[in-house]
Amino acid sequence: MMTQTEQQPSLPQVVKGAREYYDAIQKLCDLRYGTGYIDKSTYEKWLEHPELMSIALIEGEFAGFSVFIPTGIEELMSHMDMPREDVTHIVGDRPALIYKSAAVPFQFEKQGVMQQLLGSALKELPRLGYGSIFGSAWMYDGRIPMSRLFDLFGFHQLYRRRMLWYYDENYHCVVCGGRCKCDAMIYYKQL
């Protein structure tokens, strides 16, 4: 039997996105990604599809988020630096999503929050009519921090992209200290 000090951490409760979480998400993105990654207008755009944004709460405290955005072939080609034939082959005739963002505050790392957020979403997305998801996973020192999570949920690697986020002049990467020069690995999953 566990004592109170040995209790396992609570599983996160997952709720849908809402305006009340903007400040927490903004602060978390500034800390984890860098400034200029998200602003209020971007967040409002995300909230056009609140069913595609998940918020994790542990004992009522904000513990992370994930967001998917509906996308089309042209946008996938542009944002993921993908050739048309790869996009159309994977997408087929069903709507697609970009796994745009997900982050967890440092104090909630290694508590299953990201697994809970992604697992919860993956149960709902096919029901909503989506057929595929694309994600760009940040690469750091030759590692892909999201690779374990993507592998766990059956995502497939497509290819590496150099300086994928450099085009965004307003985004100042926490690693690069200016415009983002980080590479990315493009992943996909068919639902």
N, C-alpha and C. Protein backbone atom coordinates (compact mmCIF):
# COMPACT_ATOMS: atom_id res chain seq x y z
N MET A 1 0.84 -1.19 0.00
CA MET A 1 0.00 0.00 0.00
C MET A 1 0.89 1.25 0.00
N MET A 2 0.51 2.24 -0.80
CA MET A 2 1.30 3.48 -0.89
C MET A 2 0.91 4.45 0.21
N THR A 3 1.89 5.16 0.72
CA THR A 3 1.60 6.23 1.66
C THR A 3 1.23 7.46 0.84
N GLN A 4 0.76 8.51 1.50
CA GLN A 4 0.37 9.73 0.79
C GLN A 4 1.54 10.33 0.02
N THR A 5 2.74 10.27 0.57
CA THR A 5 3.89 10.86 -0.11
C THR A 5 4.33 10.03 -1.31
N GLU A 6 3.90 8.74 -1.38
CA GLU A 6 4.29 7.88 -2.48
C GLU A 6 3.21 7.76 -3.56
N GLN A 7 2.12 8.46 -3.41
CA GLN A 7 1.02 8.35 -4.37
C GLN A 7 1.48 8.72 -5.77
N GLN A 8 0.93 7.98 -6.74
CA GLN A 8 1.23 8.29 -8.13
C GLN A 8 0.56 9.60 -8.51
N PRO A 9 1.14 10.34 -9.47
CA PRO A 9 0.52 11.59 -9.88
C PRO A 9 -0.86 11.33 -10.50
N SER A 10 -1.73 12.30 -10.36
CA SER A 10 -3.07 12.21 -10.93
C SER A 10 -2.99 12.22 -12.44
N LEU A 11 -3.87 11.44 -13.08
CA LEU A 11 -3.97 11.50 -14.53
C LEU A 11 -4.60 12.83 -14.91
N PRO A 12 -4.15 13.40 -16.01
CA PRO A 12 -4.73 14.69 -16.39
C PRO A 12 -6.17 14.54 -16.86
N GLN A 13 -6.94 15.54 -16.54
CA GLN A 13 -8.29 15.67 -17.10
C GLN A 13 -8.12 16.44 -18.40
N VAL A 14 -8.76 16.01 -19.47
CA VAL A 14 -8.65 16.69 -20.76
C VAL A 14 -9.97 17.39 -21.05
N VAL A 15 -9.87 18.71 -21.28
CA VAL A 15 -11.04 19.53 -21.63
C VAL A 15 -10.77 20.22 -22.96
N LYS A 16 -11.82 20.72 -23.56
CA LYS A 16 -11.70 21.42 -24.85
C LYS A 16 -11.14 22.83 -24.65
N GLY A 17 -10.57 23.36 -25.72
CA GLY A 17 -10.00 24.69 -25.68
C GLY A 17 -11.05 25.76 -25.41
N ALA A 18 -10.62 26.83 -24.76
CA ALA A 18 -11.49 27.96 -24.46
C ALA A 18 -10.63 29.21 -24.29
N ARG A 19 -11.26 30.36 -24.39
CA ARG A 19 -10.52 31.64 -24.28
C ARG A 19 -9.77 31.76 -22.95
N GLU A 20 -10.32 31.20 -21.90
CA GLU A 20 -9.73 31.35 -20.57
C GLU A 20 -8.32 30.76 -20.47
N TYR A 21 -7.91 29.92 -21.41
CA TYR A 21 -6.59 29.30 -21.35
C TYR A 21 -5.53 30.05 -22.16
N TYR A 22 -5.92 31.13 -22.82
CA TYR A 22 -4.97 31.83 -23.68
C TYR A 22 -3.70 32.26 -22.93
N ASP A 23 -3.84 32.94 -21.81
CA ASP A 23 -2.66 33.45 -21.10
C ASP A 23 -1.70 32.32 -20.71
N ALA A 24 -2.24 31.21 -20.23
CA ALA A 24 -1.38 30.09 -19.83
C ALA A 24 -0.67 29.50 -21.05
N ILE A 25 -1.39 29.37 -22.16
CA ILE A 25 -0.79 28.81 -23.38
C ILE A 25 0.25 29.77 -23.95
N GLN A 26 -0.06 31.06 -23.96
CA GLN A 26 0.89 32.07 -24.45
C GLN A 26 2.19 32.01 -23.65
N LYS A 27 2.07 31.98 -22.34
CA LYS A 27 3.24 31.94 -21.47
C LYS A 27 4.05 30.65 -21.70
N LEU A 28 3.34 29.53 -21.81
CA LEU A 28 4.00 28.25 -22.03
C LEU A 28 4.73 28.22 -23.38
N CYS A 29 4.10 28.74 -24.42
CA CYS A 29 4.74 28.77 -25.75
C CYS A 29 5.97 29.67 -25.74
N ASP A 30 5.88 30.83 -25.08
CA ASP A 30 7.05 31.71 -24.98
C ASP A 30 8.21 30.98 -24.29
N LEU A 31 7.89 30.23 -23.26
CA LEU A 31 8.91 29.52 -22.49
C LEU A 31 9.49 28.34 -23.27
N ARG A 32 8.64 27.54 -23.89
CA ARG A 32 9.09 26.31 -24.53
C ARG A 32 9.58 26.51 -25.96
N TYR A 33 8.95 27.44 -26.70
CA TYR A 33 9.28 27.63 -28.12
C TYR A 33 10.03 28.93 -28.40
N GLY A 34 9.64 30.00 -27.73
CA GLY A 34 10.21 31.31 -27.98
C GLY A 34 9.10 32.31 -28.25
N THR A 35 9.46 33.58 -28.27
CA THR A 35 8.45 34.62 -28.45
C THR A 35 7.99 34.72 -29.90
N GLY A 36 6.76 35.15 -30.06
CA GLY A 36 6.19 35.33 -31.40
C GLY A 36 5.62 34.07 -32.00
N TYR A 37 5.65 32.96 -31.27
CA TYR A 37 5.11 31.71 -31.79
C TYR A 37 3.59 31.77 -31.88
N ILE A 38 2.99 32.40 -30.88
CA ILE A 38 1.53 32.52 -30.85
C ILE A 38 1.15 33.92 -30.37
N ASP A 39 0.07 34.43 -30.91
CA ASP A 39 -0.50 35.68 -30.44
C ASP A 39 -2.01 35.48 -30.32
N LYS A 40 -2.69 36.50 -29.87
CA LYS A 40 -4.13 36.37 -29.62
C LYS A 40 -4.91 36.04 -30.89
N SER A 41 -4.53 36.61 -32.03
CA SER A 41 -5.26 36.32 -33.27
C SER A 41 -5.06 34.86 -33.71
N THR A 42 -3.86 34.33 -33.51
CA THR A 42 -3.61 32.92 -33.82
C THR A 42 -4.47 32.04 -32.93
N TYR A 43 -4.51 32.38 -31.65
CA TYR A 43 -5.30 31.60 -30.70
C TYR A 43 -6.79 31.64 -31.06
N GLU A 44 -7.27 32.81 -31.44
CA GLU A 44 -8.68 32.93 -31.85
C GLU A 44 -8.96 32.05 -33.07
N LYS A 45 -8.01 31.97 -33.96
CA LYS A 45 -8.16 31.11 -35.14
C LYS A 45 -8.23 29.64 -34.71
N TRP A 46 -7.39 29.26 -33.76
CA TRP A 46 -7.44 27.90 -33.23
C TRP A 46 -8.81 27.60 -32.63
N LEU A 47 -9.39 28.61 -31.95
CA LEU A 47 -10.66 28.41 -31.28
C LEU A 47 -11.85 28.33 -32.24
N GLU A 48 -11.62 28.55 -33.51
CA GLU A 48 -12.70 28.33 -34.48
C GLU A 48 -13.09 26.86 -34.50
N HIS A 49 -12.20 26.01 -34.03
CA HIS A 49 -12.45 24.56 -33.94
C HIS A 49 -12.08 24.09 -32.53
N PRO A 50 -12.86 24.47 -31.52
CA PRO A 50 -12.49 24.11 -30.13
C PRO A 50 -12.40 22.60 -29.91
N GLU A 51 -13.09 21.82 -30.74
CA GLU A 51 -13.02 20.36 -30.61
C GLU A 51 -11.65 19.82 -31.00
N LEU A 52 -10.81 20.66 -31.64
CA LEU A 52 -9.47 20.25 -32.07
C LEU A 52 -8.37 20.74 -31.13
N MET A 53 -8.78 21.42 -30.04
CA MET A 53 -7.82 21.88 -29.04
C MET A 53 -8.13 21.18 -27.73
N SER A 54 -7.10 20.59 -27.14
CA SER A 54 -7.26 19.91 -25.87
C SER A 54 -6.39 20.57 -24.81
N ILE A 55 -6.96 20.73 -23.64
CA ILE A 55 -6.26 21.31 -22.49
C ILE A 55 -6.16 20.24 -21.42
N ALA A 56 -4.98 20.05 -20.86
CA ALA A 56 -4.78 19.11 -19.76
C ALA A 56 -4.80 19.87 -18.45
N LEU A 57 -5.54 19.34 -17.50
CA LEU A 57 -5.61 19.90 -16.15
C LEU A 57 -5.25 18.80 -15.17
N ILE A 58 -4.39 19.10 -14.23
CA ILE A 58 -4.08 18.17 -13.14
C ILE A 58 -4.48 18.85 -11.85
N GLU A 59 -5.46 18.24 -11.20
CA GLU A 59 -6.03 18.82 -9.98
C GLU A 59 -6.39 20.29 -10.18
N GLY A 60 -6.97 20.58 -11.35
CA GLY A 60 -7.45 21.92 -11.68
C GLY A 60 -6.39 22.86 -12.22
N GLU A 61 -5.13 22.46 -12.19
CA GLU A 61 -4.04 23.33 -12.65
C GLU A 61 -3.71 23.04 -14.13
N PHE A 62 -3.51 24.09 -14.91
CA PHE A 62 -3.15 23.95 -16.32
C PHE A 62 -1.87 23.12 -16.43
N ALA A 63 -1.94 22.03 -17.22
CA ALA A 63 -0.81 21.11 -17.31
C ALA A 63 -0.36 20.86 -18.74
N GLY A 64 -0.90 21.62 -19.71
CA GLY A 64 -0.46 21.47 -21.08
C GLY A 64 -1.61 21.59 -22.06
N PHE A 65 -1.26 21.55 -23.33
CA PHE A 65 -2.27 21.68 -24.38
C PHE A 65 -1.78 21.00 -25.65
N SER A 66 -2.70 20.73 -26.54
CA SER A 66 -2.38 20.32 -27.90
C SER A 66 -3.45 20.90 -28.81
N VAL A 67 -3.06 21.16 -30.05
CA VAL A 67 -4.01 21.73 -31.00
C VAL A 67 -3.73 21.19 -32.40
N PHE A 68 -4.81 20.86 -33.08
CA PHE A 68 -4.77 20.44 -34.47
C PHE A 68 -5.48 21.51 -35.28
N ILE A 69 -5.03 21.74 -36.51
CA ILE A 69 -5.73 22.70 -37.36
C ILE A 69 -6.09 22.03 -38.68
N PRO A 70 -7.32 22.26 -39.15
CA PRO A 70 -7.71 21.72 -40.45
C PRO A 70 -6.83 22.32 -41.54
N THR A 71 -6.54 21.55 -42.55
CA THR A 71 -5.62 22.01 -43.58
C THR A 71 -6.01 21.46 -44.94
N GLY A 72 -5.46 22.07 -45.96
CA GLY A 72 -5.66 21.62 -47.32
C GLY A 72 -4.33 21.25 -47.95
N ILE A 73 -4.39 20.79 -49.16
CA ILE A 73 -3.19 20.33 -49.86
C ILE A 73 -2.16 21.43 -50.02
N GLU A 74 -2.59 22.61 -50.45
CA GLU A 74 -1.64 23.71 -50.66
C GLU A 74 -0.95 24.13 -49.36
N GLU A 75 -1.73 24.20 -48.29
CA GLU A 75 -1.16 24.59 -47.00
C GLU A 75 -0.16 23.53 -46.49
N LEU A 76 -0.50 22.26 -46.67
CA LEU A 76 0.45 21.21 -46.28
C LEU A 76 1.73 21.31 -47.09
N MET A 77 1.60 21.52 -48.37
CA MET A 77 2.79 21.66 -49.20
C MET A 77 3.67 22.80 -48.70
N SER A 78 3.05 23.91 -48.35
CA SER A 78 3.78 25.09 -47.90
C SER A 78 4.37 24.90 -46.50
N HIS A 79 3.52 24.57 -45.53
CA HIS A 79 3.96 24.53 -44.13
C HIS A 79 4.84 23.33 -43.80
N MET A 80 4.69 22.25 -44.52
CA MET A 80 5.49 21.06 -44.24
C MET A 80 6.59 20.87 -45.29
N ASP A 81 6.66 21.77 -46.25
CA ASP A 81 7.65 21.69 -47.32
C ASP A 81 7.58 20.31 -47.99
N MET A 82 6.37 19.98 -48.42
CA MET A 82 6.12 18.65 -48.99
C MET A 82 5.75 18.75 -50.46
N PRO A 83 6.19 17.80 -51.26
CA PRO A 83 5.76 17.77 -52.66
C PRO A 83 4.29 17.33 -52.77
N ARG A 84 3.61 17.86 -53.75
CA ARG A 84 2.18 17.59 -53.96
C ARG A 84 1.87 16.10 -54.00
N GLU A 85 2.69 15.32 -54.71
CA GLU A 85 2.37 13.89 -54.85
C GLU A 85 2.39 13.17 -53.51
N ASP A 86 3.28 13.55 -52.59
CA ASP A 86 3.29 12.93 -51.26
C ASP A 86 2.04 13.31 -50.48
N VAL A 87 1.69 14.60 -50.54
CA VAL A 87 0.51 15.07 -49.82
C VAL A 87 -0.75 14.37 -50.33
N THR A 88 -0.96 14.38 -51.64
CA THR A 88 -2.19 13.80 -52.18
C THR A 88 -2.26 12.30 -51.96
N HIS A 89 -1.13 11.63 -52.02
CA HIS A 89 -1.10 10.18 -51.77
C HIS A 89 -1.57 9.86 -50.35
N ILE A 90 -1.10 10.63 -49.37
CA ILE A 90 -1.44 10.38 -47.97
C ILE A 90 -2.86 10.86 -47.65
N VAL A 91 -3.21 12.05 -48.11
CA VAL A 91 -4.50 12.65 -47.76
C VAL A 91 -5.67 11.90 -48.39
N GLY A 92 -5.53 11.52 -49.65
CA GLY A 92 -6.65 10.87 -50.32
C GLY A 92 -7.83 11.81 -50.45
N ASP A 93 -9.04 11.32 -50.14
CA ASP A 93 -10.23 12.15 -50.32
C ASP A 93 -10.88 12.60 -49.00
N ARG A 94 -10.15 12.45 -47.88
CA ARG A 94 -10.70 12.87 -46.58
C ARG A 94 -9.94 14.09 -46.07
N PRO A 95 -10.59 14.93 -45.26
CA PRO A 95 -9.93 16.12 -44.72
C PRO A 95 -8.71 15.75 -43.87
N ALA A 96 -7.73 16.63 -43.89
CA ALA A 96 -6.48 16.42 -43.15
C ALA A 96 -6.31 17.48 -42.07
N LEU A 97 -5.40 17.17 -41.15
CA LEU A 97 -5.07 18.07 -40.05
C LEU A 97 -3.57 18.24 -39.94
N ILE A 98 -3.18 19.38 -39.39
CA ILE A 98 -1.80 19.60 -38.95
C ILE A 98 -1.83 19.55 -37.42
N TYR A 99 -0.96 18.71 -36.87
CA TYR A 99 -0.77 18.70 -35.42
C TYR A 99 0.12 19.90 -35.15
N LYS A 100 -0.51 21.03 -34.92
CA LYS A 100 0.19 22.31 -34.93
C LYS A 100 1.10 22.50 -33.73
N SER A 101 0.60 22.15 -32.55
CA SER A 101 1.39 22.49 -31.38
C SER A 101 0.95 21.64 -30.19
N ALA A 102 1.89 21.41 -29.30
CA ALA A 102 1.62 20.73 -28.03
C ALA A 102 2.77 21.06 -27.09
N ALA A 103 2.45 21.35 -25.86
CA ALA A 103 3.49 21.66 -24.88
C ALA A 103 2.97 21.37 -23.48
N VAL A 104 3.92 21.08 -22.60
CA VAL A 104 3.64 20.78 -21.21
C VAL A 104 4.62 21.60 -20.37
N PRO A 105 4.14 22.26 -19.30
CA PRO A 105 5.08 22.95 -18.41
C PRO A 105 6.09 21.96 -17.82
N PHE A 106 7.28 22.45 -17.53
CA PHE A 106 8.36 21.59 -17.02
C PHE A 106 7.92 20.74 -15.84
N GLN A 107 7.14 21.32 -14.92
CA GLN A 107 6.77 20.57 -13.71
C GLN A 107 5.83 19.40 -13.98
N PHE A 108 5.25 19.33 -15.19
CA PHE A 108 4.35 18.22 -15.51
C PHE A 108 4.94 17.25 -16.54
N GLU A 109 6.22 17.42 -16.85
CA GLU A 109 6.86 16.47 -17.76
C GLU A 109 6.92 15.09 -17.11
N LYS A 110 6.94 14.07 -17.97
CA LYS A 110 7.07 12.67 -17.55
C LYS A 110 5.94 12.21 -16.63
N GLN A 111 4.75 12.80 -16.83
CA GLN A 111 3.57 12.38 -16.06
C GLN A 111 2.46 11.88 -16.98
N GLY A 112 2.80 11.65 -18.25
CA GLY A 112 1.81 11.11 -19.18
C GLY A 112 0.86 12.14 -19.77
N VAL A 113 1.16 13.42 -19.59
CA VAL A 113 0.26 14.47 -20.08
C VAL A 113 0.18 14.46 -21.60
N MET A 114 1.32 14.41 -22.28
CA MET A 114 1.30 14.42 -23.75
C MET A 114 0.60 13.17 -24.28
N GLN A 115 0.82 12.03 -23.67
CA GLN A 115 0.14 10.80 -24.09
C GLN A 115 -1.36 10.94 -23.92
N GLN A 116 -1.79 11.51 -22.82
CA GLN A 116 -3.22 11.68 -22.56
C GLN A 116 -3.83 12.64 -23.58
N LEU A 117 -3.14 13.74 -23.86
CA LEU A 117 -3.66 14.71 -24.83
C LEU A 117 -3.78 14.11 -26.22
N LEU A 118 -2.72 13.47 -26.70
CA LEU A 118 -2.74 12.92 -28.05
C LEU A 118 -3.68 11.72 -28.14
N GLY A 119 -3.64 10.85 -27.16
CA GLY A 119 -4.52 9.69 -27.16
C GLY A 119 -5.99 10.08 -27.17
N SER A 120 -6.33 11.06 -26.38
CA SER A 120 -7.71 11.56 -26.32
C SER A 120 -8.15 12.12 -27.69
N ALA A 121 -7.28 12.89 -28.30
CA ALA A 121 -7.60 13.48 -29.61
C ALA A 121 -7.75 12.40 -30.68
N LEU A 122 -6.85 11.43 -30.68
CA LEU A 122 -6.89 10.40 -31.72
C LEU A 122 -8.15 9.54 -31.66
N LYS A 123 -8.80 9.49 -30.51
CA LYS A 123 -10.07 8.77 -30.41
C LYS A 123 -11.20 9.56 -31.08
N GLU A 124 -11.10 10.89 -31.04
CA GLU A 124 -12.16 11.75 -31.56
C GLU A 124 -12.02 12.11 -33.04
N LEU A 125 -10.81 12.25 -33.52
CA LEU A 125 -10.60 12.80 -34.87
C LEU A 125 -11.24 11.98 -35.99
N PRO A 126 -11.16 10.66 -35.99
CA PRO A 126 -11.84 9.93 -37.06
C PRO A 126 -13.36 10.14 -37.03
N ARG A 127 -13.92 10.22 -35.82
CA ARG A 127 -15.35 10.47 -35.67
C ARG A 127 -15.74 11.82 -36.27
N LEU A 128 -14.82 12.77 -36.25
CA LEU A 128 -15.07 14.10 -36.82
C LEU A 128 -14.85 14.14 -38.33
N GLY A 129 -14.44 13.01 -38.92
CA GLY A 129 -14.31 12.91 -40.37
C GLY A 129 -12.92 13.10 -40.93
N TYR A 130 -11.92 13.27 -40.08
CA TYR A 130 -10.56 13.49 -40.56
C TYR A 130 -9.90 12.17 -40.91
N GLY A 131 -9.05 12.21 -41.95
CA GLY A 131 -8.42 10.98 -42.43
C GLY A 131 -6.93 10.90 -42.22
N SER A 132 -6.27 12.05 -41.98
CA SER A 132 -4.82 12.02 -41.80
C SER A 132 -4.36 13.23 -40.98
N ILE A 133 -3.20 13.05 -40.36
CA ILE A 133 -2.58 14.10 -39.55
C ILE A 133 -1.13 14.22 -39.98
N PHE A 134 -0.66 15.44 -40.06
CA PHE A 134 0.75 15.73 -40.36
C PHE A 134 1.32 16.55 -39.21
N GLY A 135 2.55 16.27 -38.85
CA GLY A 135 3.20 17.02 -37.79
C GLY A 135 4.65 17.29 -38.12
N SER A 136 5.13 18.44 -37.70
CA SER A 136 6.55 18.77 -37.86
C SER A 136 7.17 18.74 -36.47
N ALA A 137 8.06 17.80 -36.25
CA ALA A 137 8.68 17.61 -34.95
C ALA A 137 10.05 18.27 -34.92
N TRP A 138 10.25 19.11 -33.94
CA TRP A 138 11.49 19.86 -33.74
C TRP A 138 12.65 18.90 -33.53
N MET A 139 13.78 19.22 -34.15
CA MET A 139 15.01 18.44 -33.97
C MET A 139 16.01 19.29 -33.19
N TYR A 140 16.64 18.68 -32.20
CA TYR A 140 17.59 19.39 -31.36
C TYR A 140 18.77 18.49 -31.06
N ASP A 141 19.95 18.93 -31.39
CA ASP A 141 21.18 18.14 -31.17
C ASP A 141 21.06 16.73 -31.75
N GLY A 142 20.47 16.64 -32.94
CA GLY A 142 20.33 15.35 -33.60
C GLY A 142 19.22 14.47 -33.04
N ARG A 143 18.49 14.96 -32.06
CA ARG A 143 17.39 14.20 -31.46
C ARG A 143 16.05 14.82 -31.85
N ILE A 144 15.01 14.01 -31.76
CA ILE A 144 13.65 14.48 -32.00
C ILE A 144 12.88 14.21 -30.71
N PRO A 145 12.72 15.22 -29.86
CA PRO A 145 12.07 14.98 -28.57
C PRO A 145 10.68 14.34 -28.68
N MET A 146 9.93 14.61 -29.73
CA MET A 146 8.58 14.05 -29.88
C MET A 146 8.58 12.65 -30.50
N SER A 147 9.72 12.12 -30.89
CA SER A 147 9.74 10.85 -31.63
C SER A 147 9.11 9.70 -30.85
N ARG A 148 9.38 9.59 -29.57
CA ARG A 148 8.83 8.51 -28.77
C ARG A 148 7.30 8.56 -28.77
N LEU A 149 6.76 9.74 -28.60
CA LEU A 149 5.30 9.91 -28.60
C LEU A 149 4.71 9.57 -29.97
N PHE A 150 5.32 10.10 -31.02
CA PHE A 150 4.83 9.81 -32.37
C PHE A 150 4.92 8.31 -32.67
N ASP A 151 6.01 7.67 -32.30
CA ASP A 151 6.15 6.23 -32.52
C ASP A 151 5.08 5.45 -31.75
N LEU A 152 4.84 5.84 -30.52
CA LEU A 152 3.86 5.18 -29.67
C LEU A 152 2.47 5.17 -30.30
N PHE A 153 2.13 6.25 -31.00
CA PHE A 153 0.79 6.38 -31.58
C PHE A 153 0.75 6.07 -33.08
N GLY A 154 1.82 5.45 -33.60
CA GLY A 154 1.79 4.96 -34.97
C GLY A 154 2.00 5.98 -36.07
N PHE A 155 2.66 7.08 -35.76
CA PHE A 155 3.01 8.05 -36.79
C PHE A 155 4.22 7.52 -37.56
N HIS A 156 4.35 7.93 -38.80
CA HIS A 156 5.45 7.52 -39.66
C HIS A 156 6.30 8.73 -40.03
N GLN A 157 7.62 8.55 -40.04
CA GLN A 157 8.52 9.62 -40.49
C GLN A 157 8.47 9.71 -42.01
N LEU A 158 8.43 10.94 -42.50
CA LEU A 158 8.52 11.16 -43.95
C LEU A 158 9.92 11.60 -44.34
N TYR A 159 10.32 12.78 -43.84
CA TYR A 159 11.63 13.29 -44.18
C TYR A 159 12.01 14.47 -43.30
N ARG A 160 13.30 14.76 -43.31
CA ARG A 160 13.85 15.87 -42.54
C ARG A 160 13.75 17.14 -43.38
N ARG A 161 13.40 18.24 -42.71
CA ARG A 161 13.34 19.55 -43.37
C ARG A 161 14.25 20.51 -42.64
N ARG A 162 15.08 21.20 -43.41
CA ARG A 162 16.03 22.18 -42.85
C ARG A 162 15.34 23.51 -42.60
N MET A 163 15.58 24.07 -41.42
CA MET A 163 15.12 25.41 -41.05
C MET A 163 13.65 25.65 -41.43
N LEU A 164 12.79 24.74 -41.05
CA LEU A 164 11.38 24.77 -41.45
C LEU A 164 10.65 26.03 -41.00
N TRP A 165 11.01 26.59 -39.86
CA TRP A 165 10.27 27.73 -39.30
C TRP A 165 10.95 29.07 -39.58
N TYR A 166 12.00 29.09 -40.36
CA TYR A 166 12.76 30.31 -40.62
C TYR A 166 11.91 31.39 -41.31
N TYR A 167 10.94 30.97 -42.11
CA TYR A 167 10.11 31.92 -42.86
C TYR A 167 9.33 32.87 -41.96
N ASP A 168 9.08 32.48 -40.71
CA ASP A 168 8.28 33.30 -39.79
C ASP A 168 9.19 34.33 -39.11
N GLU A 169 9.22 35.53 -39.65
CA GLU A 169 10.10 36.59 -39.14
C GLU A 169 9.77 37.02 -37.73
N ASN A 170 8.52 36.84 -37.29
CA ASN A 170 8.09 37.28 -35.95
C ASN A 170 8.44 36.28 -34.86
N TYR A 171 8.77 35.07 -35.25
CA TYR A 171 9.06 34.03 -34.28
C TYR A 171 10.54 34.06 -33.93
N HIS A 172 10.84 34.23 -32.64
CA HIS A 172 12.21 34.23 -32.14
C HIS A 172 12.40 33.00 -31.28
N CYS A 173 13.10 32.03 -31.83
CA CYS A 173 13.27 30.70 -31.25
C CYS A 173 14.05 30.76 -29.93
N VAL A 174 13.58 30.00 -28.96
CA VAL A 174 14.22 29.93 -27.65
C VAL A 174 15.62 29.30 -27.76
N VAL A 175 15.84 28.44 -28.74
CA VAL A 175 17.14 27.80 -28.92
C VAL A 175 18.08 28.68 -29.74
N CYS A 176 17.58 29.24 -30.83
CA CYS A 176 18.41 30.01 -31.76
C CYS A 176 18.66 31.44 -31.29
N GLY A 177 17.83 31.96 -30.41
CA GLY A 177 18.00 33.32 -29.93
C GLY A 177 17.65 34.37 -30.97
N GLY A 178 16.93 34.02 -31.97
CA GLY A 178 16.50 34.89 -33.07
C GLY A 178 15.62 34.09 -33.99
N ARG A 179 15.67 34.41 -35.27
CA ARG A 179 14.88 33.62 -36.22
C ARG A 179 15.27 32.16 -36.12
N CYS A 180 14.27 31.31 -36.22
CA CYS A 180 14.48 29.88 -35.98
C CYS A 180 15.21 29.21 -37.14
N LYS A 181 16.33 28.59 -36.82
CA LYS A 181 17.11 27.85 -37.80
C LYS A 181 17.05 26.34 -37.53
N CYS A 182 16.15 25.95 -36.64
CA CYS A 182 16.03 24.54 -36.27
C CYS A 182 15.48 23.71 -37.43
N ASP A 183 15.88 22.46 -37.46
CA ASP A 183 15.36 21.52 -38.44
C ASP A 183 14.15 20.81 -37.85
N ALA A 184 13.43 20.11 -38.72
CA ALA A 184 12.25 19.37 -38.29
C ALA A 184 12.19 18.04 -39.01
N MET A 185 11.54 17.08 -38.38
CA MET A 185 11.20 15.82 -39.01
C MET A 185 9.70 15.86 -39.27
N ILE A 186 9.31 15.58 -40.50
CA ILE A 186 7.89 15.56 -40.85
C ILE A 186 7.36 14.16 -40.61
N TYR A 187 6.24 14.10 -39.91
CA TYR A 187 5.56 12.84 -39.59
C TYR A 187 4.14 12.88 -40.16
N TYR A 188 3.55 11.70 -40.34
CA TYR A 188 2.14 11.64 -40.71
C TYR A 188 1.51 10.39 -40.09
N LYS A 189 0.20 10.43 -40.00
CA LYS A 189 -0.57 9.28 -39.54
C LYS A 189 -1.90 9.30 -40.27
N GLN A 190 -2.26 8.15 -40.82
CA GLN A 190 -3.59 8.01 -41.41
C GLN A 190 -4.51 7.44 -40.34
N LEU A 191 -5.70 7.99 -40.29
CA LEU A 191 -6.67 7.59 -39.25
C LEU A 191 -7.62 6.53 -39.77
